[in-house]
């Protein structure tokens, strides 16, 4: 069978119904059924399959997609887990939202975009405006938000309103799925309206996630864990599963076994050594993980290359270089030459720390996939890690960005190959 590679396809229905190659991650559904937190936040680098994973959850649990999902899971891990698990399919109201397209350059523009997206989400659930099970006062607020006739205060409570109305209509609490929750926050940080965005998102997300009886459970994905003080204040039911944690460590990204199976299925097993050098090297909760975006692009195009590095801007790297010191330059050179640096990883940092805290910079680089931790030990105030560039593809980012920054002060040969220099501990 000739497989299509699902490049840019993040809808689970399309993956399964159009016979794209699918790496089976449906055991994640079993894990959630067996035991989940009230709110789970899974942070992974961009292009590691977050949107597809939440789409998979939506199609499995959604009562509104029950007919569409009837055969989507046939033969997959969750189907093989047994009838007790499959009995959950199509039984829950599910709200699936993505914030990844909020890419405005000013706060007024982003607020207008948020108003438009809220309107779109409400239009998708227009049946609630006529539901006899929904409180009439809530229906009036719903219509105002749908027509973009509400102010910022009402917009900040829009998710809580939508979840409450769905609970009333379907008669059971809602599963909430939010993809790339931190995309607008990173955009705001890069373009100078971080404070306004954080204030909005704190209420927008907090009102629906904190102690909400209308919510069954929520799963959020993002690239970074934003400190609890800045956005998830008083959210005691939040379980953060980052690149440092063992929980769900193999859900996003491909394991060596999965890559080997792909290579066998596609009769390209001879490429495995190159794939390991270029796209392996990530350690999520101690599990070895390959970059899935780059792997599927390799199998589509048949050659190694820089696939992941070209999917978006490298704002974290550029911000790091903007604050580079003479000491940090030595560490950057060491990383480029395949050596380790030591840093204290504190996952509760906030974006504003990047410019004034070297440990915050390395924490950001680790969680966004530009570094990986090859060893770790708990220390005062965080986890002290030995960090390296994970693979050849990511090394190219450093090489290009750092060459641009440091050209004229160091030779190309020193930036790439200088041997024997001792790495300075941070």
Protein backbone atom coordinates (compact mmCIF):
# COMPACT_ATOMS: atom_id res chain seq x y z
CA UNK A 1 0.00 0.00 0.00
CA UNK A 2 1.29 3.47 -0.92
CA UNK A 3 0.84 5.77 2.06
CA UNK A 4 0.25 9.51 2.00
CA UNK A 5 2.13 11.51 4.61
CA UNK A 6 -0.18 13.80 6.65
CA UNK A 7 1.84 16.99 6.17
CA UNK A 8 -0.26 19.88 7.50
CA UNK A 9 -3.24 17.57 8.18
CA UNK A 10 -4.26 17.91 11.83
CA UNK A 11 -7.89 16.78 11.67
CA UNK A 12 -8.30 13.24 12.97
CA UNK A 13 -11.30 12.50 10.73
CA UNK A 14 -9.32 13.42 7.63
CA UNK A 15 -6.30 11.38 8.73
CA UNK A 16 -8.39 8.24 9.19
CA UNK A 17 -11.02 8.61 6.46
CA UNK A 18 -8.55 9.61 3.73
CA UNK A 19 -6.06 6.91 4.66
CA UNK A 20 -3.07 8.99 5.61
CA UNK A 21 -0.30 7.23 7.50
CA UNK A 22 -1.27 7.36 11.18
CA UNK A 23 0.99 6.64 14.13
CA UNK A 24 -1.46 5.22 16.65
CA UNK A 25 -1.59 7.42 19.75
CA UNK A 26 -5.07 6.39 20.88
CA UNK A 27 -3.76 4.75 24.05
CA UNK A 28 -3.79 8.32 25.36
CA UNK A 29 -7.60 8.02 25.42
CA UNK A 30 -7.36 4.94 27.62
CA UNK A 31 -5.01 6.79 29.96
CA UNK A 32 -7.46 9.69 30.30
CA UNK A 33 -10.38 7.35 30.96
CA UNK A 34 -8.40 5.46 33.59
CA UNK A 35 -7.62 8.66 35.45
CA UNK A 36 -7.30 12.31 34.54
CA UNK A 37 -6.90 15.55 36.43
CA UNK A 38 -9.56 18.22 36.37
CA UNK A 39 -7.27 20.32 34.16
CA UNK A 40 -4.26 18.89 32.33
CA UNK A 41 -1.76 21.11 30.54
CA UNK A 42 0.66 19.32 28.18
CA UNK A 43 3.51 21.48 26.92
CA UNK A 44 5.59 20.43 23.92
CA UNK A 45 7.52 22.18 21.14
CA UNK A 46 5.64 23.42 18.09
CA UNK A 47 4.76 20.91 15.36
CA UNK A 48 4.83 17.93 17.73
CA UNK A 49 1.24 16.84 17.03
CA UNK A 50 -0.70 18.80 19.65
CA UNK A 51 -3.60 19.81 17.39
CA UNK A 52 -4.05 16.33 15.93
CA UNK A 53 -4.01 14.82 19.42
CA UNK A 54 -6.81 17.08 20.65
CA UNK A 55 -8.76 16.47 17.44
CA UNK A 56 -8.46 12.73 18.18
CA UNK A 57 -9.93 13.31 21.65
CA UNK A 58 -12.75 15.40 20.21
CA UNK A 59 -13.77 12.73 17.70
CA UNK A 60 -13.65 10.00 20.32
CA UNK A 61 -15.60 11.67 23.13
CA UNK A 62 -17.94 14.06 21.26
CA UNK A 63 -21.64 13.27 21.33
CA UNK A 64 -22.08 15.57 18.32
CA UNK A 65 -19.57 13.57 16.27
CA UNK A 66 -20.78 10.13 17.30
CA UNK A 67 -21.96 9.17 13.81
CA UNK A 68 -18.73 10.38 12.16
CA UNK A 69 -16.52 8.57 14.64
CA UNK A 70 -18.31 5.22 14.50
CA UNK A 71 -15.52 3.45 12.59
CA UNK A 72 -12.61 5.89 12.96
CA UNK A 73 -11.09 3.93 15.84
CA UNK A 74 -11.52 0.43 14.43
CA UNK A 75 -8.41 -1.64 15.04
CA UNK A 76 -6.57 1.07 16.95
CA UNK A 77 -5.15 0.73 20.47
CA UNK A 78 -8.26 2.12 22.17
CA UNK A 79 -10.44 -0.37 20.27
CA UNK A 80 -8.17 -3.22 21.30
CA UNK A 81 -8.40 -2.02 24.93
CA UNK A 82 -11.93 -3.40 25.04
CA UNK A 83 -15.63 -2.61 25.08
CA UNK A 84 -15.54 -0.84 28.45
CA UNK A 85 -13.30 1.85 26.95
CA UNK A 86 -15.13 2.07 23.63
CA UNK A 87 -18.37 2.61 25.55
CA UNK A 88 -17.14 6.17 26.22
CA UNK A 89 -17.07 6.99 22.51
CA UNK A 90 -19.59 9.66 21.50
CA UNK A 91 -21.02 10.16 24.99
CA UNK A 92 -19.88 13.65 26.04
CA UNK A 93 -20.42 17.27 25.06
CA UNK A 94 -17.01 18.45 23.84
CA UNK A 95 -15.79 21.98 23.17
CA UNK A 96 -12.59 22.09 21.10
CA UNK A 97 -10.97 25.49 20.52
CA UNK A 98 -7.63 26.64 19.14
CA UNK A 99 -5.85 29.91 19.87
CA UNK A 100 -2.92 29.30 17.51
CA UNK A 101 -4.14 31.75 14.84
CA UNK A 102 -4.09 34.81 17.11
CA UNK A 103 -1.05 36.50 15.57
CA UNK A 104 -1.87 40.20 15.78
CA UNK A 105 0.77 42.88 16.26
CA UNK A 106 -1.07 45.16 18.73
CA UNK A 107 -3.46 44.61 21.63
CA UNK A 108 -6.45 46.41 19.99
CA UNK A 109 -6.00 44.20 16.92
CA UNK A 110 -5.81 41.04 19.03
CA UNK A 111 -8.87 42.03 21.05
CA UNK A 112 -10.79 42.46 17.79
CA UNK A 113 -9.57 39.07 16.61
CA UNK A 114 -10.66 37.50 19.89
CA UNK A 115 -14.11 39.03 19.42
CA UNK A 116 -14.30 37.52 15.93
CA UNK A 117 -13.14 34.08 17.07
CA UNK A 118 -15.64 34.06 19.95
CA UNK A 119 -18.35 34.90 17.42
CA UNK A 120 -17.24 32.00 15.19
CA UNK A 121 -17.26 29.59 18.14
CA UNK A 122 -20.74 30.70 19.11
CA UNK A 123 -22.00 30.39 15.53
CA UNK A 124 -20.74 26.79 15.55
CA UNK A 125 -23.00 26.21 18.59
CA UNK A 126 -25.96 28.23 17.35
CA UNK A 127 -28.38 25.51 18.49
CA UNK A 128 -27.84 26.73 22.06
CA UNK A 129 -29.63 30.02 21.31
CA UNK A 130 -32.87 28.10 20.73
CA UNK A 131 -32.45 25.33 23.28
CA UNK A 132 -35.37 25.18 25.75
CA UNK A 133 -32.99 23.64 28.29
CA UNK A 134 -30.81 26.77 28.41
CA UNK A 135 -31.59 29.69 30.73
CA UNK A 136 -33.10 32.61 28.69
CA UNK A 137 -30.72 35.15 30.28
CA UNK A 138 -27.77 33.09 29.13
CA UNK A 139 -29.24 32.91 25.64
CA UNK A 140 -29.38 36.73 25.46
CA UNK A 141 -25.73 37.01 26.49
CA UNK A 142 -24.89 34.32 23.92
CA UNK A 143 -26.53 36.30 21.10
CA UNK A 144 -24.70 39.51 22.04
CA UNK A 145 -21.32 37.74 21.92
CA UNK A 146 -22.22 35.99 18.67
CA UNK A 147 -23.10 39.36 17.11
CA UNK A 148 -19.89 40.95 18.49
CA UNK A 149 -21.98 43.40 20.49
CA UNK A 150 -20.30 42.74 23.86
CA UNK A 151 -17.44 44.51 25.63
CA UNK A 152 -14.17 43.14 26.92
CA UNK A 153 -15.60 42.09 30.30
CA UNK A 154 -18.24 39.90 28.65
CA UNK A 155 -15.65 38.48 26.23
CA UNK A 156 -13.48 37.40 29.13
CA UNK A 157 -16.36 35.23 30.41
CA UNK A 158 -17.30 33.84 26.98
CA UNK A 159 -15.80 30.37 27.46
CA UNK A 160 -17.45 29.92 30.84
CA UNK A 161 -20.77 30.96 29.31
CA UNK A 162 -20.47 28.55 26.37
CA UNK A 163 -19.53 25.62 28.62
CA UNK A 164 -22.43 26.36 30.99
CA UNK A 165 -24.93 26.48 28.12
CA UNK A 166 -23.62 23.21 26.67
CA UNK A 167 -23.97 21.59 30.10
CA UNK A 168 -27.56 22.75 30.35
CA UNK A 169 -28.41 21.63 26.82
CA UNK A 170 -26.83 18.15 26.94
CA UNK A 171 -27.48 17.47 30.60
CA UNK A 172 -23.93 16.48 31.46
CA UNK A 173 -20.65 18.33 32.11
CA UNK A 174 -18.43 19.32 29.20
CA UNK A 175 -14.99 18.14 28.11
CA UNK A 176 -12.98 21.23 27.15
CA UNK A 177 -10.02 21.00 24.76
CA UNK A 178 -7.88 24.11 24.13
CA UNK A 179 -5.05 23.95 21.63
CA UNK A 180 -2.03 26.29 21.78
CA UNK A 181 -3.40 28.23 24.74
CA UNK A 182 -0.19 30.27 24.96
CA UNK A 183 0.09 31.33 21.30
CA UNK A 184 -1.45 34.79 21.90
CA UNK A 185 0.73 35.25 24.99
CA UNK A 186 3.94 34.58 23.10
CA UNK A 187 2.77 36.89 20.29
CA UNK A 188 2.01 39.61 22.85
CA UNK A 189 5.43 39.19 24.45
CA UNK A 190 7.25 39.48 21.13
CA UNK A 191 5.30 42.61 20.11
CA UNK A 192 5.06 44.58 23.34
CA UNK A 193 1.54 44.09 24.74
CA UNK A 194 2.22 41.21 27.15
CA UNK A 195 0.63 42.89 30.19
CA UNK A 196 -2.72 43.51 28.49
CA UNK A 197 -2.85 40.01 27.03
CA UNK A 198 -2.00 38.28 30.31
CA UNK A 199 -4.71 40.23 32.15
CA UNK A 200 -7.31 39.16 29.58
CA UNK A 201 -6.24 35.51 29.40
CA UNK A 202 -6.15 35.16 33.18
CA UNK A 203 -9.89 35.83 33.32
CA UNK A 204 -10.72 34.19 29.96
CA UNK A 205 -9.22 30.85 30.99
CA UNK A 206 -9.52 31.10 34.76
CA UNK A 207 -13.28 31.65 34.69
CA UNK A 208 -13.88 28.36 32.87
CA UNK A 209 -11.17 26.21 34.48
CA UNK A 210 -11.35 27.10 38.15
CA UNK A 211 -13.81 25.04 40.20
CA UNK A 212 -16.33 24.85 37.36
CA UNK A 213 -19.20 22.40 37.92
CA UNK A 214 -20.07 22.64 34.25
CA UNK A 215 -16.73 21.07 33.33
CA UNK A 216 -16.04 17.33 33.29
CA UNK A 217 -12.33 17.83 32.59
CA UNK A 218 -10.08 19.95 30.40
CA UNK A 219 -6.95 19.24 28.37
CA UNK A 220 -4.84 22.19 27.22
CA UNK A 221 -1.78 22.13 25.02
CA UNK A 222 0.89 24.74 24.48
CA UNK A 223 4.58 25.29 24.02
CA UNK A 224 5.32 26.96 27.36
CA UNK A 225 4.11 26.68 30.89
CA UNK A 226 3.18 30.21 31.93
CA UNK A 227 3.74 30.79 35.63
CA UNK A 228 0.70 30.26 37.83
CA UNK A 229 1.02 33.75 39.28
CA UNK A 230 0.63 35.32 35.86
CA UNK A 231 -2.28 33.40 34.34
CA UNK A 232 -3.39 30.34 36.35
CA UNK A 233 -3.71 32.12 39.67
CA UNK A 234 -5.47 30.03 42.35
CA UNK A 235 -6.00 27.16 39.90
CA UNK A 236 -5.37 24.31 42.34
CA UNK A 237 -6.63 21.58 40.01
CA UNK A 238 -4.00 22.09 37.28
CA UNK A 239 -1.69 19.18 36.36
CA UNK A 240 1.22 20.36 34.20
CA UNK A 241 2.89 17.69 32.06
CA UNK A 242 5.99 19.30 30.56
CA UNK A 243 9.01 17.91 28.72
CA UNK A 244 10.47 17.18 32.15
CA UNK A 245 7.57 15.01 33.36
CA UNK A 246 6.93 11.29 32.84
CA UNK A 247 3.15 11.61 32.47
CA UNK A 248 2.02 11.27 28.85
CA UNK A 249 5.63 11.38 27.76
CA UNK A 250 5.10 9.33 24.57
CA UNK A 251 1.81 10.89 23.47
CA UNK A 252 3.37 13.70 21.42
CA UNK A 253 6.28 12.99 19.09
CA UNK A 254 7.40 9.62 17.75
CA UNK A 255 9.23 6.93 19.72
CA UNK A 256 12.17 5.04 18.17
CA UNK A 257 9.91 2.01 17.78
CA UNK A 258 7.31 4.06 15.91
CA UNK A 259 9.93 5.54 13.57
CA UNK A 260 11.38 2.08 12.91
CA UNK A 261 7.90 0.78 12.08
CA UNK A 262 7.31 3.67 9.70
CA UNK A 263 10.60 3.01 7.97
CA UNK A 264 9.68 -0.66 7.58
CA UNK A 265 6.18 0.11 6.32
CA UNK A 266 7.57 2.57 3.79
CA UNK A 267 10.52 0.33 2.82
CA UNK A 268 13.10 2.92 3.87
CA UNK A 269 14.80 1.17 6.79
CA UNK A 270 18.22 2.11 5.45
CA UNK A 271 17.47 5.75 6.40
CA UNK A 272 17.23 5.09 10.14
CA UNK A 273 20.81 6.18 11.02
CA UNK A 274 20.32 9.52 9.27
CA UNK A 275 16.91 10.01 10.89
CA UNK A 276 18.43 9.48 14.32
CA UNK A 277 21.21 12.02 13.69
CA UNK A 278 18.90 14.68 12.24
CA UNK A 279 15.63 14.36 14.18
CA UNK A 280 16.12 12.31 17.36
CA UNK A 281 17.64 13.51 20.61
CA UNK A 282 14.63 14.78 22.53
CA UNK A 283 14.06 13.37 26.02
CA UNK A 284 10.54 13.87 27.35
CA UNK A 285 10.25 12.58 30.89
CA UNK A 286 13.20 10.31 30.13
CA UNK A 287 11.62 8.86 26.96
CA UNK A 288 13.53 9.15 23.68
CA UNK A 289 11.46 11.08 21.13
CA UNK A 290 11.87 12.04 17.47
CA UNK A 291 10.49 15.24 15.94
CA UNK A 292 7.29 14.02 14.19
CA UNK A 293 6.99 16.95 11.76
CA UNK A 294 10.47 16.36 10.38
CA UNK A 295 9.99 12.59 10.22
CA UNK A 296 6.83 12.76 8.11
CA UNK A 297 8.44 15.37 5.87
CA UNK A 298 11.43 13.09 5.36
CA UNK A 299 9.18 10.20 4.35
CA UNK A 300 7.28 12.52 2.02
CA UNK A 301 10.33 14.02 0.30
CA UNK A 302 12.80 11.17 0.67
CA UNK A 303 15.74 13.22 1.93
CA UNK A 304 16.98 14.74 5.18
CA UNK A 305 16.88 18.49 5.61
CA UNK A 306 15.77 21.36 7.79
CA UNK A 307 11.99 20.92 7.95
CA UNK A 308 11.03 21.92 11.50
CA UNK A 309 13.24 25.00 11.67
CA UNK A 310 11.38 26.66 8.81
CA UNK A 311 7.84 26.32 10.17
CA UNK A 312 7.82 29.57 12.17
CA UNK A 313 9.97 32.37 13.48
CA UNK A 314 12.66 31.84 16.10
CA UNK A 315 11.70 34.65 18.47
CA UNK A 316 13.04 32.86 21.55
CA UNK A 317 16.48 32.48 19.98
CA UNK A 318 16.58 36.09 18.81
CA UNK A 319 15.51 37.38 22.23
CA UNK A 320 18.22 35.31 23.86
CA UNK A 321 20.85 36.74 21.52
CA UNK A 322 19.62 40.28 22.14
CA UNK A 323 20.62 39.89 25.79
CA UNK A 324 23.76 37.85 25.17
CA UNK A 325 26.76 38.56 27.40
CA UNK A 326 30.38 37.61 27.00
CA UNK A 327 29.86 34.68 29.38
CA UNK A 328 26.78 33.45 27.53
CA UNK A 329 28.66 33.60 24.23
CA UNK A 330 31.00 30.93 25.55
CA UNK A 331 28.07 28.67 26.35
CA UNK A 332 26.56 29.20 22.90
CA UNK A 333 29.85 28.29 21.29
CA UNK A 334 30.06 25.16 23.45
CA UNK A 335 26.55 24.09 22.42
CA UNK A 336 27.38 24.54 18.75
CA UNK A 337 30.44 22.36 19.20
CA UNK A 338 28.34 19.51 20.64
CA UNK A 339 29.11 20.08 24.31
CA UNK A 340 26.92 20.60 27.35
CA UNK A 341 25.99 23.59 29.44
CA UNK A 342 24.53 23.47 32.93
CA UNK A 343 21.46 25.47 33.91
CA UNK A 344 18.85 25.61 36.65
CA UNK A 345 15.49 24.84 35.02
CA UNK A 346 12.54 26.62 36.65
CA UNK A 347 9.38 25.84 34.71
CA UNK A 348 7.30 28.48 36.46
CA UNK A 349 9.14 31.38 34.85
CA UNK A 350 7.38 34.14 32.98
CA UNK A 351 8.33 35.73 29.66
CA UNK A 352 9.43 38.93 31.34
CA UNK A 353 12.24 36.99 33.06
CA UNK A 354 13.97 36.16 29.77
CA UNK A 355 15.89 39.41 29.49
CA UNK A 356 17.18 39.43 33.04
CA UNK A 357 17.58 35.80 34.06
CA UNK A 358 19.95 33.40 32.27
CA UNK A 359 18.22 30.38 33.81
CA UNK A 360 14.90 31.62 32.39
CA UNK A 361 16.44 31.77 28.93
CA UNK A 362 17.63 28.18 29.13
CA UNK A 363 14.29 27.06 30.57
CA UNK A 364 12.56 28.59 27.55
CA UNK A 365 15.03 26.98 25.14
CA UNK A 366 14.45 23.58 26.75
CA UNK A 367 10.66 23.72 26.72
CA UNK A 368 10.48 25.05 23.16
CA UNK A 369 12.63 22.23 21.79
CA UNK A 370 15.88 24.05 21.08
CA UNK A 371 17.71 22.16 23.83
CA UNK A 372 17.26 18.85 25.56
CA UNK A 373 18.26 17.71 29.07
CA UNK A 374 20.60 14.73 29.09
CA UNK A 375 20.85 14.63 32.88
CA UNK A 376 19.04 16.23 35.77
CA UNK A 377 19.21 16.54 39.52
CA UNK A 378 16.96 18.47 41.83
CA UNK A 379 18.50 21.58 43.32
CA UNK A 380 17.45 24.63 45.30
CA UNK A 381 14.81 26.52 43.36
CA UNK A 382 14.57 24.11 40.43
CA UNK A 383 16.17 21.21 38.57
CA UNK A 384 19.81 21.47 37.56
CA UNK A 385 20.22 20.02 34.09
CA UNK A 386 22.98 19.29 31.61
CA UNK A 387 21.68 20.66 28.30
CA UNK A 388 22.68 19.94 24.71
CA UNK A 389 21.38 20.72 21.24
CA UNK A 390 19.25 17.66 20.45
CA UNK A 391 20.10 17.01 16.80
CA UNK A 392 21.56 18.23 13.52
CA UNK A 393 18.41 20.07 12.45
CA UNK A 394 18.23 22.22 15.59
CA UNK A 395 21.97 22.80 15.42
CA UNK A 396 21.38 24.53 12.09
CA UNK A 397 19.15 27.12 13.82
CA UNK A 398 21.91 27.99 16.27
CA UNK A 399 24.51 28.07 13.56
CA UNK A 400 22.56 30.46 11.32
CA UNK A 401 21.25 32.71 14.08
CA UNK A 402 24.52 32.87 16.02
CA UNK A 403 26.62 33.38 12.91
CA UNK A 404 24.49 36.41 12.08
CA UNK A 405 24.85 37.76 15.62
CA UNK A 406 28.56 37.14 16.10
CA UNK A 407 29.94 37.47 12.59
CA UNK A 408 32.98 39.74 12.65
CA UNK A 409 34.02 38.71 16.16
CA UNK A 410 34.51 34.99 15.61
CA UNK A 411 35.54 33.02 12.57
CA UNK A 412 33.13 30.52 11.05
CA UNK A 413 35.55 27.72 11.90
CA UNK A 414 35.58 28.69 15.57
CA UNK A 415 31.80 28.95 15.77
CA UNK A 416 31.40 25.47 14.31
CA UNK A 417 34.38 23.32 15.21
CA UNK A 418 36.55 24.78 17.96
CA UNK A 419 37.72 21.75 19.98
CA UNK A 420 38.74 21.40 23.56
CA UNK A 421 37.24 24.47 25.16
CA UNK A 422 36.01 23.81 28.68
CA UNK A 423 32.34 24.51 29.25
CA UNK A 424 31.69 27.10 31.92
CA UNK A 425 28.98 26.01 34.41
CA UNK A 426 26.23 28.60 34.78
